[in-house]
Amino acid sequence: MNDVSAAARVETLGKRFGRHMVLSNISFSLPAGSSLSIIGPSGCGKSTLLSIIAGLTDASDGGVSLPSSWKTAFILQDYGLFPWKTVRDNLELPLQLRGTGRRERFAAVTDMLRELGLEGLEQRFPVQLSGGQRQRVAIGRALISRPDLLLMDEPFAALDAITREHLQNLLLDVWKRRRMSFMLVTHNVAEAVFLGRYVMVMGGKPATKKLWLDNPCFGDASCRNSDAYFSLIRKVHDALEDGEVRPVPEARS
């Protein structure tokens, strides 16, 4: 990984589609090895912001600055797995595209299967997997090239509450071992507070940064019943409700 002083910087970023301004004057900095949860109402431009940071969409104003040596990976909402490829083949694909040798690819995929609890599933196709297993494969495919910045667009939205919590904990376990930076778009307030070292609330038309929180409860399961945790939850809800923006209700088991 890169020096901890390195950072991803978004500076006065704006995006318009035709005459319609979607994002306006968004600025923030994320240190290397840290995480950011991005939350806001549907259609406010969260996914567009992530796409611009990934380099898949051009900004209309301002821009994004990443350290030149950083590698990025993107996990999409619908997993993005190739249905005709096995689990092993899906995991291997990024290394194959980089020209990594067969023996090295095999070893890397074997290690990833073990790290994500997917051993024994390597010859299955995506249709033969549960939603949680597919998401593990999507996470593994993104991580196998060892990115410095992992971008995730609502990766757990389609999962049941128990599976979602398991994968939140899995993501944090992987982060503790690898210390990559990651940015997560979510509609779930509790998830945003649990996974984001920083939490950014977006809102308005065009959308801009409404709230930036430094989160001392990041990744700390024991903090979930603390006054500090519930105070953070309230701050995020208040920011979402300001201007008649309503948060999506929390999933219940």
Protein backbone atom coordinates (compact mmCIF):
# COMPACT_ATOMS: atom_id res chain seq x y z
CA MET A 1 0.00 0.00 0.00
CA ASN A 2 1.00 3.61 -0.43
CA ASP A 3 2.22 6.07 2.18
CA VAL A 4 -0.51 6.89 4.70
CA SER A 5 -0.11 10.58 3.88
CA ALA A 6 -1.48 9.95 0.39
CA ALA A 7 -5.10 10.85 -0.18
CA ALA A 8 -7.93 10.78 -2.68
CA ARG A 9 -9.09 14.35 -3.26
CA VAL A 10 -12.33 15.58 -4.78
CA GLU A 11 -12.21 19.32 -5.49
CA THR A 12 -15.23 21.54 -6.30
CA LEU A 13 -16.66 18.71 -8.38
CA GLY A 14 -19.76 19.28 -10.47
CA LYS A 15 -21.62 17.21 -13.03
CA ARG A 16 -24.34 18.14 -15.48
CA PHE A 17 -26.23 16.09 -18.03
CA GLY A 18 -27.33 18.50 -20.72
CA ARG A 19 -28.90 21.44 -18.88
CA HIS A 20 -29.54 19.40 -15.76
CA MET A 21 -26.97 19.94 -12.97
CA VAL A 22 -26.71 16.77 -10.86
CA LEU A 23 -23.72 17.47 -8.59
CA SER A 24 -22.40 20.84 -7.44
CA ASN A 25 -19.29 22.01 -5.58
CA ILE A 26 -18.43 18.73 -3.83
CA SER A 27 -15.03 18.71 -2.11
CA PHE A 28 -13.43 16.28 0.33
CA SER A 29 -10.20 14.42 1.01
CA LEU A 30 -9.89 10.76 2.06
CA PRO A 31 -6.54 9.66 3.56
CA ALA A 32 -4.96 6.41 2.44
CA GLY A 33 -6.12 3.43 4.47
CA SER A 34 -9.38 5.09 5.50
CA SER A 35 -13.03 4.68 4.52
CA LEU A 36 -15.91 6.90 3.49
CA SER A 37 -19.63 6.12 3.53
CA ILE A 38 -21.72 8.22 1.12
CA ILE A 39 -25.43 8.41 1.88
CA GLY A 40 -28.30 10.43 0.46
CA PRO A 41 -31.74 10.11 -1.17
CA SER A 42 -32.27 8.05 -4.31
CA GLY A 43 -31.35 9.89 -7.47
CA CYS A 44 -29.17 12.52 -5.80
CA GLY A 45 -26.04 11.52 -7.74
CA LYS A 46 -24.20 9.22 -5.32
CA SER A 47 -23.52 6.60 -7.99
CA THR A 48 -22.53 9.30 -10.47
CA LEU A 49 -20.00 10.65 -7.96
CA LEU A 50 -18.53 7.17 -7.48
CA SER A 51 -18.36 6.67 -11.25
CA ILE A 52 -16.45 9.94 -11.64
CA ILE A 53 -13.99 8.93 -8.91
CA ALA A 54 -13.51 5.60 -10.70
CA GLY A 55 -12.71 7.42 -13.93
CA LEU A 56 -15.72 5.95 -15.73
CA THR A 57 -17.53 9.29 -16.07
CA ASP A 58 -16.08 12.76 -16.70
CA ALA A 59 -16.75 15.63 -14.30
CA SER A 60 -18.22 18.84 -15.73
CA ASP A 61 -16.48 21.04 -13.14
CA GLY A 62 -13.63 20.47 -10.73
CA GLY A 63 -12.14 17.02 -10.59
CA VAL A 64 -10.66 14.06 -8.75
CA SER A 65 -7.03 13.61 -7.78
CA LEU A 66 -5.61 10.21 -6.82
CA PRO A 67 -1.97 9.32 -6.11
CA SER A 68 -0.42 8.25 -9.41
CA SER A 69 0.50 4.78 -8.16
CA TRP A 70 -2.95 3.95 -6.79
CA LYS A 71 -4.96 1.12 -8.33
CA THR A 72 -8.75 1.21 -8.08
CA ALA A 73 -11.44 -1.47 -8.20
CA PHE A 74 -15.22 -1.10 -8.45
CA ILE A 75 -17.97 -3.37 -7.08
CA LEU A 76 -21.33 -2.79 -8.78
CA GLN A 77 -24.83 -3.17 -7.35
CA ASP A 78 -25.60 -6.26 -9.46
CA TYR A 79 -22.33 -8.08 -8.65
CA GLY A 80 -21.07 -7.79 -12.25
CA LEU A 81 -20.17 -11.50 -12.44
CA PHE A 82 -19.99 -13.28 -15.80
CA PRO A 83 -22.71 -15.97 -15.68
CA TRP A 84 -20.85 -18.29 -18.07
CA LYS A 85 -17.69 -18.31 -15.93
CA THR A 86 -17.11 -20.38 -12.81
CA VAL A 87 -16.25 -18.80 -9.46
CA ARG A 88 -12.56 -19.51 -10.08
CA ASP A 89 -12.69 -18.04 -13.58
CA ASN A 90 -14.50 -14.91 -12.37
CA LEU A 91 -11.91 -14.38 -9.64
CA GLU A 92 -9.04 -15.02 -12.01
CA LEU A 93 -10.17 -12.59 -14.71
CA PRO A 94 -8.46 -9.37 -13.44
CA LEU A 95 -5.13 -11.20 -13.15
CA GLN A 96 -5.57 -12.77 -16.57
CA LEU A 97 -6.19 -9.34 -18.11
CA ARG A 98 -2.98 -8.08 -16.48
CA GLY A 99 -1.00 -10.94 -18.02
CA THR A 100 -0.27 -12.71 -14.74
CA GLY A 101 1.10 -16.23 -15.25
CA ARG A 102 -1.13 -19.26 -14.79
CA ARG A 103 0.63 -20.63 -11.71
CA GLU A 104 0.53 -17.25 -9.96
CA ARG A 105 -3.14 -16.81 -10.89
CA PHE A 106 -4.02 -20.22 -9.50
CA ALA A 107 -2.26 -19.51 -6.19
CA ALA A 108 -3.84 -16.05 -5.85
CA VAL A 109 -7.35 -17.38 -6.49
CA THR A 110 -6.84 -20.25 -4.06
CA ASP A 111 -5.77 -17.76 -1.38
CA MET A 112 -8.79 -15.56 -2.11
CA LEU A 113 -11.20 -18.48 -1.92
CA ARG A 114 -9.80 -19.30 1.50
CA GLU A 115 -9.85 -15.68 2.70
CA LEU A 116 -13.51 -15.17 1.76
CA GLY A 117 -14.80 -18.58 2.83
CA LEU A 118 -15.54 -19.76 -0.70
CA GLU A 119 -13.53 -22.98 -0.69
CA GLY A 120 -15.39 -25.81 -2.39
CA LEU A 121 -17.40 -23.44 -4.58
CA GLU A 122 -14.74 -22.68 -7.18
CA GLN A 123 -16.32 -24.78 -9.96
CA ARG A 124 -19.83 -23.43 -9.48
CA PHE A 125 -21.43 -20.83 -11.72
CA PRO A 126 -23.02 -17.64 -10.33
CA VAL A 127 -26.55 -19.00 -10.80
CA GLN A 128 -25.65 -21.83 -8.41
CA LEU A 129 -24.68 -19.43 -5.61
CA SER A 130 -26.67 -17.59 -2.96
CA GLY A 131 -26.77 -13.79 -3.02
CA GLY A 132 -24.22 -13.62 -0.22
CA GLN A 133 -21.88 -16.02 -2.00
CA ARG A 134 -22.14 -14.02 -5.23
CA GLN A 135 -21.27 -10.86 -3.33
CA ARG A 136 -18.24 -12.57 -1.79
CA VAL A 137 -17.08 -13.49 -5.29
CA ALA A 138 -17.60 -9.89 -6.44
CA ILE A 139 -15.57 -8.64 -3.46
CA GLY A 140 -12.86 -11.20 -4.15
CA ARG A 141 -12.62 -10.29 -7.81
CA ALA A 142 -12.20 -6.63 -6.86
CA LEU A 143 -9.58 -7.38 -4.19
CA ILE A 144 -7.49 -9.94 -6.04
CA SER A 145 -5.50 -7.26 -7.87
CA ARG A 146 -4.80 -5.60 -4.48
CA PRO A 147 -6.32 -2.17 -5.15
CA ASP A 148 -5.39 0.87 -3.09
CA LEU A 149 -8.93 2.23 -3.44
CA LEU A 150 -12.03 0.05 -3.45
CA LEU A 151 -15.28 1.67 -4.67
CA MET A 152 -18.61 0.01 -3.84
CA ASP A 153 -22.03 1.05 -5.08
CA GLU A 154 -24.63 -0.34 -2.65
CA PRO A 155 -22.96 -3.76 -2.62
CA PHE A 156 -25.20 -5.23 0.11
CA ALA A 157 -28.54 -3.67 -0.83
CA ALA A 158 -30.11 -6.83 -2.27
CA LEU A 159 -29.19 -9.07 0.69
CA ASP A 160 -31.21 -10.07 3.74
CA ALA A 161 -30.33 -8.41 7.04
CA ILE A 162 -28.30 -11.31 8.47
CA THR A 163 -26.25 -11.86 5.31
CA ARG A 164 -25.73 -8.12 5.03
CA GLU A 165 -24.30 -7.93 8.55
CA HIS A 166 -22.02 -10.90 7.90
CA LEU A 167 -20.62 -9.26 4.78
CA GLN A 168 -20.17 -5.92 6.55
CA ASN A 169 -18.01 -7.74 9.10
CA LEU A 170 -16.19 -9.60 6.33
CA LEU A 171 -15.36 -6.31 4.60
CA LEU A 172 -13.95 -4.92 7.84
CA ASP A 173 -11.89 -8.08 8.43
CA VAL A 174 -10.40 -7.74 4.95
CA TRP A 175 -9.75 -4.04 5.53
CA LYS A 176 -7.89 -4.77 8.79
CA ARG A 177 -5.57 -7.15 6.92
CA ARG A 178 -5.06 -5.05 3.79
CA ARG A 179 -5.64 -1.44 4.90
CA MET A 180 -6.86 -0.31 1.49
CA SER A 181 -9.00 2.81 1.27
CA PHE A 182 -12.63 2.28 0.39
CA MET A 183 -15.71 4.35 -0.47
CA LEU A 184 -19.18 2.91 -0.03
CA VAL A 185 -22.47 4.26 -1.40
CA THR A 186 -25.42 3.13 0.73
CA HIS A 187 -29.00 4.02 1.66
CA ASN A 188 -28.69 2.35 5.06
CA VAL A 189 -27.86 4.78 7.88
CA ALA A 190 -26.60 2.13 10.31
CA GLU A 191 -24.39 0.63 7.61
CA ALA A 192 -22.98 4.05 6.74
CA VAL A 193 -22.02 4.70 10.36
CA PHE A 194 -20.59 1.22 10.92
CA LEU A 195 -18.43 1.10 7.78
CA GLY A 196 -17.40 4.73 7.30
CA ARG A 197 -14.44 6.23 9.13
CA TYR A 198 -15.99 9.32 7.61
CA VAL A 199 -19.64 9.74 6.64
CA MET A 200 -20.80 12.18 3.96
CA VAL A 201 -24.47 13.03 3.59
CA MET A 202 -25.52 14.33 0.16
CA GLY A 203 -28.71 16.13 -0.75
CA GLY A 204 -30.32 19.00 -2.60
CA LYS A 205 -30.90 19.73 -6.28
CA PRO A 206 -28.24 19.77 -7.52
CA ALA A 207 -26.77 17.53 -4.85
CA THR A 208 -23.93 18.79 -2.72
CA LYS A 209 -22.22 17.81 0.53
CA LYS A 210 -24.67 18.50 3.38
CA LEU A 211 -22.75 16.90 6.24
CA TRP A 212 -19.27 15.46 6.86
CA LEU A 213 -18.79 13.37 10.01
CA ASP A 214 -15.60 12.12 11.61
CA ASN A 215 -16.76 8.78 12.98
CA PRO A 216 -15.09 7.37 16.13
CA CYS A 217 -17.37 4.29 16.01
CA PHE A 218 -16.03 3.09 12.65
CA GLY A 219 -15.72 -0.70 12.62
CA ASP A 220 -16.33 -1.08 16.34
CA ALA A 221 -19.17 -3.55 16.95
CA SER A 222 -19.07 -2.80 20.68
CA CYS A 223 -19.88 0.83 19.89
CA ARG A 224 -23.26 -0.08 18.39
CA ASN A 225 -25.05 0.24 21.74
CA SER A 226 -23.24 3.40 22.86
CA ASP A 227 -24.51 6.95 23.18
CA ALA A 228 -21.83 8.05 20.69
CA TYR A 229 -23.17 5.64 18.06
CA PHE A 230 -26.79 6.75 18.45
CA SER A 231 -25.68 10.38 18.38
CA LEU A 232 -24.03 9.76 15.00
CA ILE A 233 -27.15 8.00 13.74
CA ARG A 234 -29.28 10.99 14.78
CA LYS A 235 -26.93 13.45 13.07
CA VAL A 236 -27.15 11.52 9.80
CA HIS A 237 -30.94 11.22 10.03
CA ASP A 238 -31.24 14.93 10.79
CA ALA A 239 -29.13 15.81 7.76
CA LEU A 240 -31.22 13.51 5.55
CA GLU A 241 -34.47 14.97 6.85
CA ASP A 242 -33.35 18.57 6.38
CA GLY A 243 -35.15 19.95 3.35
CA GLU A 244 -37.72 17.15 3.40
CA VAL A 245 -35.24 14.46 2.44
CA ARG A 246 -36.36 11.23 4.10
CA PRO A 247 -33.99 8.32 4.89
CA VAL A 248 -34.74 4.82 3.66
CA PRO A 249 -36.03 2.75 6.63
CA GLU A 250 -33.53 0.33 8.14
CA ALA A 251 -33.80 -3.31 7.15
CA ARG A 252 -35.25 -5.54 9.86
CA SER A 253 -34.53 -9.20 10.42
